Amino acid sequence: MNMNGPMNDAIRTRANKHLLHFGCEFASFVPARAEGTFLYDTQGNRMLDFTSG
């Protein structure tokens, strides 16, 4: 999964600065869209969203 790029880097930087950290580090997956129970990044990689109800 290629998650490099200025937009994804900026999002990760803001998340690390402003979001509460607990338990473990954030995943490097940056969603671009959602469909049903799946999230997709800009490269079309899919991740199951099973924690957000």
N, C-alpha and C. Protein backbone atom coordinates (compact mmCIF):
# COMPACT_ATOMS: atom_id res chain seq x y z
N MET A 1 0.84 -1.18 0.00
CA MET A 1 0.00 0.00 0.00
C MET A 1 0.89 1.24 0.00
N ASN A 2 0.75 2.06 -1.00
CA ASN A 2 1.53 3.29 -1.09
C ASN A 2 0.76 4.43 -0.48
N MET A 3 1.18 4.88 0.68
CA MET A 3 0.49 5.97 1.37
C MET A 3 1.36 7.22 1.43
N ASN A 4 2.32 7.33 0.54
CA ASN A 4 3.16 8.52 0.50
C ASN A 4 2.52 9.56 -0.39
N GLY A 5 2.83 10.79 -0.11
CA GLY A 5 2.30 11.89 -0.91
C GLY A 5 2.02 13.07 -0.01
N PRO A 6 2.06 14.27 -0.56
CA PRO A 6 1.91 15.47 0.27
C PRO A 6 0.58 15.56 1.00
N MET A 7 -0.52 15.15 0.35
CA MET A 7 -1.83 15.24 1.00
C MET A 7 -1.91 14.29 2.19
N ASN A 8 -1.50 13.03 2.00
CA ASN A 8 -1.53 12.06 3.08
C ASN A 8 -0.58 12.45 4.21
N ASP A 9 0.59 12.96 3.87
CA ASP A 9 1.54 13.42 4.89
C ASP A 9 0.94 14.55 5.72
N ALA A 10 0.27 15.48 5.07
CA ALA A 10 -0.35 16.60 5.78
C ALA A 10 -1.46 16.12 6.71
N ILE A 11 -2.25 15.17 6.25
CA ILE A 11 -3.34 14.63 7.08
C ILE A 11 -2.76 13.92 8.29
N ARG A 12 -1.73 13.10 8.09
CA ARG A 12 -1.11 12.39 9.22
C ARG A 12 -0.49 13.36 10.21
N THR A 13 0.16 14.41 9.73
CA THR A 13 0.76 15.41 10.61
C THR A 13 -0.30 16.09 11.47
N ARG A 14 -1.40 16.47 10.85
CA ARG A 14 -2.49 17.11 11.60
C ARG A 14 -3.11 16.15 12.61
N ALA A 15 -3.30 14.90 12.22
CA ALA A 15 -3.88 13.91 13.13
C ALA A 15 -2.97 13.70 14.33
N ASN A 16 -1.67 13.56 14.10
CA ASN A 16 -0.74 13.36 15.21
C ASN A 16 -0.69 14.56 16.15
N LYS A 17 -0.93 15.75 15.61
CA LYS A 17 -0.89 16.96 16.42
C LYS A 17 -2.17 17.16 17.23
N HIS A 18 -3.33 16.83 16.65
CA HIS A 18 -4.60 17.24 17.24
C HIS A 18 -5.45 16.12 17.84
N LEU A 19 -5.22 14.87 17.48
CA LEU A 19 -6.06 13.79 17.98
C LEU A 19 -5.45 13.12 19.20
N LEU A 20 -6.31 12.66 20.08
CA LEU A 20 -5.90 11.98 21.30
C LEU A 20 -5.26 10.64 20.94
N HIS A 21 -4.10 10.37 21.50
CA HIS A 21 -3.40 9.11 21.27
C HIS A 21 -3.64 8.18 22.45
N PHE A 22 -4.08 6.96 22.16
CA PHE A 22 -4.28 5.97 23.21
C PHE A 22 -4.05 4.58 22.63
N GLY A 23 -3.47 3.71 23.40
CA GLY A 23 -3.32 2.32 23.02
C GLY A 23 -2.27 2.02 21.96
N CYS A 24 -2.46 2.52 20.78
CA CYS A 24 -1.53 2.21 19.69
C CYS A 24 -1.46 3.38 18.71
N GLU A 25 -0.53 3.28 17.77
CA GLU A 25 -0.38 4.34 16.78
C GLU A 25 -1.50 4.28 15.75
N PHE A 26 -1.77 5.41 15.12
CA PHE A 26 -2.77 5.46 14.07
C PHE A 26 -2.30 4.67 12.86
N ALA A 27 -3.23 4.07 12.15
CA ALA A 27 -2.91 3.40 10.89
C ALA A 27 -2.55 4.46 9.86
N SER A 28 -1.70 4.10 8.93
CA SER A 28 -1.30 5.06 7.91
C SER A 28 -2.34 5.16 6.79
N PHE A 29 -3.41 4.41 6.89
CA PHE A 29 -4.48 4.42 5.89
C PHE A 29 -5.25 5.73 5.98
N VAL A 30 -5.32 6.47 4.87
CA VAL A 30 -6.06 7.73 4.82
C VAL A 30 -7.23 7.52 3.86
N PRO A 31 -8.46 7.43 4.39
CA PRO A 31 -9.59 7.14 3.51
C PRO A 31 -9.93 8.31 2.60
N ALA A 32 -10.31 7.99 1.37
CA ALA A 32 -10.74 8.99 0.40
C ALA A 32 -12.24 8.89 0.14
N ARG A 33 -12.80 7.68 0.35
CA ARG A 33 -14.24 7.49 0.15
C ARG A 33 -14.68 6.26 0.92
N ALA A 34 -15.98 6.11 1.07
CA ALA A 34 -16.55 4.96 1.77
C ALA A 34 -17.67 4.38 0.92
N GLU A 35 -17.83 3.07 1.06
CA GLU A 35 -18.91 2.37 0.38
C GLU A 35 -19.33 1.21 1.26
N GLY A 36 -20.54 1.29 1.81
CA GLY A 36 -20.98 0.25 2.74
C GLY A 36 -20.09 0.24 3.97
N THR A 37 -19.55 -0.93 4.29
CA THR A 37 -18.68 -1.05 5.47
C THR A 37 -17.20 -0.93 5.12
N PHE A 38 -16.89 -0.51 3.91
CA PHE A 38 -15.49 -0.40 3.49
C PHE A 38 -15.08 1.04 3.23
N LEU A 39 -13.81 1.31 3.54
CA LEU A 39 -13.18 2.59 3.23
C LEU A 39 -12.16 2.33 2.13
N TYR A 40 -11.97 3.31 1.26
CA TYR A 40 -11.02 3.20 0.16
C TYR A 40 -10.07 4.39 0.19
N ASP A 41 -8.78 4.13 -0.09
CA ASP A 41 -7.84 5.24 -0.21
C ASP A 41 -7.77 5.69 -1.66
N THR A 42 -6.93 6.65 -1.96
CA THR A 42 -6.86 7.21 -3.31
C THR A 42 -6.28 6.23 -4.32
N GLN A 43 -5.60 5.16 -3.85
CA GLN A 43 -5.06 4.15 -4.76
C GLN A 43 -6.03 2.98 -4.95
N GLY A 44 -7.21 3.04 -4.32
CA GLY A 44 -8.20 1.98 -4.46
C GLY A 44 -8.05 0.85 -3.46
N ASN A 45 -7.12 0.96 -2.50
CA ASN A 45 -6.97 -0.05 -1.46
C ASN A 45 -8.18 0.01 -0.54
N ARG A 46 -8.65 -1.14 -0.10
CA ARG A 46 -9.87 -1.24 0.69
C ARG A 46 -9.56 -1.68 2.12
N MET A 47 -10.27 -1.09 3.09
CA MET A 47 -10.13 -1.47 4.49
C MET A 47 -11.52 -1.58 5.10
N LEU A 48 -11.75 -2.63 5.88
CA LEU A 48 -13.03 -2.82 6.55
C LEU A 48 -13.13 -1.85 7.72
N ASP A 49 -14.23 -1.09 7.78
CA ASP A 49 -14.48 -0.17 8.89
C ASP A 49 -15.36 -0.90 9.90
N PHE A 50 -14.74 -1.54 10.88
CA PHE A 50 -15.49 -2.32 11.84
C PHE A 50 -15.54 -1.69 13.23
N THR A 51 -14.97 -0.50 13.40
CA THR A 51 -14.93 0.10 14.74
C THR A 51 -15.84 1.30 14.89
N SER A 52 -16.45 1.78 13.82
CA SER A 52 -17.20 3.03 13.90
C SER A 52 -18.70 2.85 13.74
N GLY A 53 -19.20 1.74 14.21
CA GLY A 53 -20.63 1.51 14.25
C GLY A 53 -21.28 1.29 12.95
